[in-house]
Amino acid sequence: MAETFYSVDDANALLPTVRPLLERIRAQQAELAKDKSLALVREKAAQNGGGTPSRHLSQLAQTMEKDLRQLQEWGIVLRDPATGLIDFFHKREGETVFLCWRLGEGKIEWFHPVNTGIAGRERL
């Protein structure tokens, strides 16, 4: 899939749509992770046709996959589902960088070079 480049304004305009999606991904991931018997449930489900726990986990996984695909379609890079850290491709002074944002931040105020990650974050 081709990279989608965002202006700061365009990325900020998308945040009200992205925020609930990231919150849902974070909650789904946490719910999937807390069930330490996921592998056991899957194994048993394969033998007996599933059951309520298996169906619930399967629905969670399917919804999360749908949400992850949506981010990908928008050209948004999910860096850390637990904190809702995402990157938007952006051109800054002729170079490709990432606009960097995470859940809890009001608007996009940071960028970093594509090869540094969050450790290289700088204010816009």
C-alpha atoms as a PDB file:
ATOM      1  CA  MET A   1       0.000   0.000   0.000  1.00  0.00           C
ATOM      2  CA  ALA A   2       1.292   3.451  -0.914  1.00  0.00           C
ATOM      3  CA  GLU A   3       2.205   5.865   1.847  1.00  0.00           C
ATOM      4  CA  THR A   4      -0.404   8.512   2.618  1.00  0.00           C
ATOM      5  CA  PHE A   5       1.063  11.871   3.556  1.00  0.00           C
ATOM      6  CA  TYR A   6      -0.773  14.154   5.959  1.00  0.00           C
ATOM      7  CA  SER A   7      -0.513  17.828   6.697  1.00  0.00           C
ATOM      8  CA  VAL A   8      -0.598  18.701  10.394  1.00  0.00           C
ATOM      9  CA  ASP A   9      -4.122  20.102   9.941  1.00  0.00           C
ATOM     10  CA  ASP A  10      -5.356  16.991   8.125  1.00  0.00           C
ATOM     11  CA  ALA A  11      -3.891  14.661  10.748  1.00  0.00           C
ATOM     12  CA  ASN A  12      -5.407  16.735  13.568  1.00  0.00           C
ATOM     13  CA  ALA A  13      -8.779  16.697  11.801  1.00  0.00           C
ATOM     14  CA  LEU A  14      -8.695  12.885  11.762  1.00  0.00           C
ATOM     15  CA  LEU A  15      -7.937  12.540  15.491  1.00  0.00           C
ATOM     16  CA  PRO A  16     -11.601  12.619  16.642  1.00  0.00           C
ATOM     17  CA  THR A  17     -12.206   9.579  14.405  1.00  0.00           C
ATOM     18  CA  VAL A  18      -8.940   7.820  15.271  1.00  0.00           C
ATOM     19  CA  ARG A  19      -9.123   8.333  19.055  1.00  0.00           C
ATOM     20  CA  PRO A  20     -12.104   5.994  19.748  1.00  0.00           C
ATOM     21  CA  LEU A  21     -10.658   3.395  17.405  1.00  0.00           C
ATOM     22  CA  LEU A  22      -7.339   3.428  19.291  1.00  0.00           C
ATOM     23  CA  GLU A  23      -9.153   3.257  22.634  1.00  0.00           C
ATOM     24  CA  ARG A  24     -11.071   0.217  21.395  1.00  0.00           C
ATOM     25  CA  ILE A  25      -7.875  -1.464  20.113  1.00  0.00           C
ATOM     26  CA  ARG A  26      -6.188  -0.836  23.472  1.00  0.00           C
ATOM     27  CA  ALA A  27      -9.142  -2.313  25.389  1.00  0.00           C
ATOM     28  CA  GLN A  28      -9.380  -5.308  23.075  1.00  0.00           C
ATOM     29  CA  GLN A  29      -5.684  -6.013  23.314  1.00  0.00           C
ATOM     30  CA  ALA A  30      -5.809  -5.806  27.097  1.00  0.00           C
ATOM     31  CA  GLU A  31      -8.773  -8.165  27.244  1.00  0.00           C
ATOM     32  CA  LEU A  32      -7.101 -10.654  24.928  1.00  0.00           C
ATOM     33  CA  ALA A  33      -3.834 -10.455  26.876  1.00  0.00           C
ATOM     34  CA  LYS A  34      -5.417 -10.964  30.289  1.00  0.00           C
ATOM     35  CA  ASP A  35      -6.862 -14.302  29.255  1.00  0.00           C
ATOM     36  CA  LYS A  36      -3.771 -16.428  29.659  1.00  0.00           C
ATOM     37  CA  SER A  37      -5.660 -19.478  28.462  1.00  0.00           C
ATOM     38  CA  LEU A  38      -6.199 -18.151  24.936  1.00  0.00           C
ATOM     39  CA  ALA A  39      -4.066 -20.861  23.357  1.00  0.00           C
ATOM     40  CA  LEU A  40      -5.821 -23.562  25.377  1.00  0.00           C
ATOM     41  CA  VAL A  41      -9.243 -22.232  24.427  1.00  0.00           C
ATOM     42  CA  ARG A  42      -8.293 -22.227  20.752  1.00  0.00           C
ATOM     43  CA  GLU A  43      -7.004 -25.779  20.965  1.00  0.00           C
ATOM     44  CA  LYS A  44     -10.170 -27.016  22.677  1.00  0.00           C
ATOM     45  CA  ALA A  45     -12.387 -25.029  20.309  1.00  0.00           C
ATOM     46  CA  ALA A  46     -10.808 -26.766  17.362  1.00  0.00           C
ATOM     47  CA  GLN A  47     -11.774 -30.104  18.912  1.00  0.00           C
ATOM     48  CA  ASN A  48     -15.326 -29.347  19.993  1.00  0.00           C
ATOM     49  CA  GLY A  49     -16.662 -26.545  17.819  1.00  0.00           C
ATOM     50  CA  GLY A  50     -15.957 -23.662  20.168  1.00  0.00           C
ATOM     51  CA  GLY A  51     -18.112 -22.344  22.940  1.00  0.00           C
ATOM     52  CA  THR A  52     -18.913 -19.050  24.590  1.00  0.00           C
ATOM     53  CA  PRO A  53     -15.348 -18.144  25.680  1.00  0.00           C
ATOM     54  CA  SER A  54     -13.964 -19.087  22.284  1.00  0.00           C
ATOM     55  CA  ARG A  55     -16.625 -17.109  20.411  1.00  0.00           C
ATOM     56  CA  HIS A  56     -16.060 -14.046  22.605  1.00  0.00           C
ATOM     57  CA  LEU A  57     -12.308 -14.137  22.024  1.00  0.00           C
ATOM     58  CA  SER A  58     -12.820 -14.714  18.322  1.00  0.00           C
ATOM     59  CA  GLN A  59     -15.141 -11.704  18.097  1.00  0.00           C
ATOM     60  CA  LEU A  60     -12.625  -9.554  19.957  1.00  0.00           C
ATOM     61  CA  ALA A  61      -9.846 -10.633  17.627  1.00  0.00           C
ATOM     62  CA  GLN A  62     -11.979 -10.017  14.529  1.00  0.00           C
ATOM     63  CA  THR A  63     -12.987  -6.531  15.679  1.00  0.00           C
ATOM     64  CA  MET A  64      -9.391  -5.678  16.506  1.00  0.00           C
ATOM     65  CA  GLU A  65      -8.229  -6.900  13.094  1.00  0.00           C
ATOM     66  CA  LYS A  66     -10.896  -4.735  11.439  1.00  0.00           C
ATOM     67  CA  ASP A  67      -9.743  -1.688  13.413  1.00  0.00           C
ATOM     68  CA  LEU A  68      -6.100  -2.373  12.555  1.00  0.00           C
ATOM     69  CA  ARG A  69      -6.998  -2.672   8.862  1.00  0.00           C
ATOM     70  CA  GLN A  70      -8.799   0.677   9.063  1.00  0.00           C
ATOM     71  CA  LEU A  71      -5.678   2.362  10.414  1.00  0.00           C
ATOM     72  CA  GLN A  72      -3.669   0.770   7.634  1.00  0.00           C
ATOM     73  CA  GLU A  73      -6.147   1.978   4.994  1.00  0.00           C
ATOM     74  CA  TRP A  74      -5.755   5.519   6.340  1.00  0.00           C
ATOM     75  CA  GLY A  75      -1.974   5.155   6.110  1.00  0.00           C
ATOM     76  CA  ILE A  76      -1.549   5.481   9.874  1.00  0.00           C
ATOM     77  CA  VAL A  77       1.240   3.485  11.508  1.00  0.00           C
ATOM     78  CA  LEU A  78       0.317   1.999  14.898  1.00  0.00           C
ATOM     79  CA  ARG A  79       3.451   1.903  17.040  1.00  0.00           C
ATOM     80  CA  ASP A  80       2.112   0.905  20.456  1.00  0.00           C
ATOM     81  CA  PRO A  81      -1.468  -0.256  20.967  1.00  0.00           C
ATOM     82  CA  ALA A  82      -1.146  -0.043  24.756  1.00  0.00           C
ATOM     83  CA  THR A  83      -0.475   3.709  24.691  1.00  0.00           C
ATOM     84  CA  GLY A  84      -2.248   4.469  21.423  1.00  0.00           C
ATOM     85  CA  LEU A  85       0.981   5.697  19.840  1.00  0.00           C
ATOM     86  CA  ILE A  86       0.602   6.351  16.117  1.00  0.00           C
ATOM     87  CA  ASP A  87       2.538   7.999  13.306  1.00  0.00           C
ATOM     88  CA  PHE A  88       1.315   9.834  10.214  1.00  0.00           C
ATOM     89  CA  PHE A  89       3.591  10.205   7.192  1.00  0.00           C
ATOM     90  CA  HIS A  90       4.410  13.877   6.639  1.00  0.00           C
ATOM     91  CA  LYS A  91       6.726  15.963   4.437  1.00  0.00           C
ATOM     92  CA  ARG A  92       8.762  18.485   6.420  1.00  0.00           C
ATOM     93  CA  GLU A  93      11.272  20.662   4.628  1.00  0.00           C
ATOM     94  CA  GLY A  94      11.326  18.182   1.744  1.00  0.00           C
ATOM     95  CA  GLU A  95      12.012  15.138   3.926  1.00  0.00           C
ATOM     96  CA  THR A  96       9.687  12.337   4.940  1.00  0.00           C
ATOM     97  CA  VAL A  97       9.081  12.341   8.694  1.00  0.00           C
ATOM     98  CA  PHE A  98       6.385  11.058  11.001  1.00  0.00           C
ATOM     99  CA  LEU A  99       3.884  13.224  12.812  1.00  0.00           C
ATOM    100  CA  CYS A 100       3.736  11.541  16.191  1.00  0.00           C
ATOM    101  CA  TRP A 101       0.684  11.376  18.471  1.00  0.00           C
ATOM    102  CA  ARG A 102      -0.600   9.201  21.289  1.00  0.00           C
ATOM    103  CA  LEU A 103      -3.780   8.861  23.289  1.00  0.00           C
ATOM    104  CA  GLY A 104      -4.062  11.573  25.907  1.00  0.00           C
ATOM    105  CA  GLU A 105      -2.440  14.264  23.799  1.00  0.00           C
ATOM    106  CA  GLY A 106      -4.778  17.016  22.654  1.00  0.00           C
ATOM    107  CA  LYS A 107      -3.368  17.525  19.182  1.00  0.00           C
ATOM    108  CA  ILE A 108      -0.362  16.685  17.080  1.00  0.00           C
ATOM    109  CA  GLU A 109       2.592  18.685  18.349  1.00  0.00           C
ATOM    110  CA  TRP A 110       5.481  16.320  17.634  1.00  0.00           C
ATOM    111  CA  PHE A 111       7.365  14.825  14.714  1.00  0.00           C
ATOM    112  CA  HIS A 112      10.376  12.565  14.353  1.00  0.00           C
ATOM    113  CA  PRO A 113      12.568  11.298  11.521  1.00  0.00           C
ATOM    114  CA  VAL A 114      11.424   7.953  10.156  1.00  0.00           C
ATOM    115  CA  ASN A 115      14.541   6.201  11.462  1.00  0.00           C
ATOM    116  CA  THR A 116      14.498   7.404  15.087  1.00  0.00           C
ATOM    117  CA  GLY A 117      11.136   6.492  16.535  1.00  0.00           C
ATOM    118  CA  ILE A 118       9.655   8.241  19.559  1.00  0.00           C
ATOM    119  CA  ALA A 119      13.114   8.727  21.088  1.00  0.00           C
ATOM    120  CA  GLY A 120      13.763  11.310  18.366  1.00  0.00           C
ATOM    121  CA  ARG A 121      10.545  13.280  18.919  1.00  0.00           C
ATOM    122  CA  GLU A 122      10.805  17.011  18.402  1.00  0.00           C
ATOM    123  CA  ARG A 123       8.205  19.763  18.740  1.00  0.00           C
ATOM    124  CA  LEU A 124       6.712  21.002  15.490  1.00  0.00           C
END
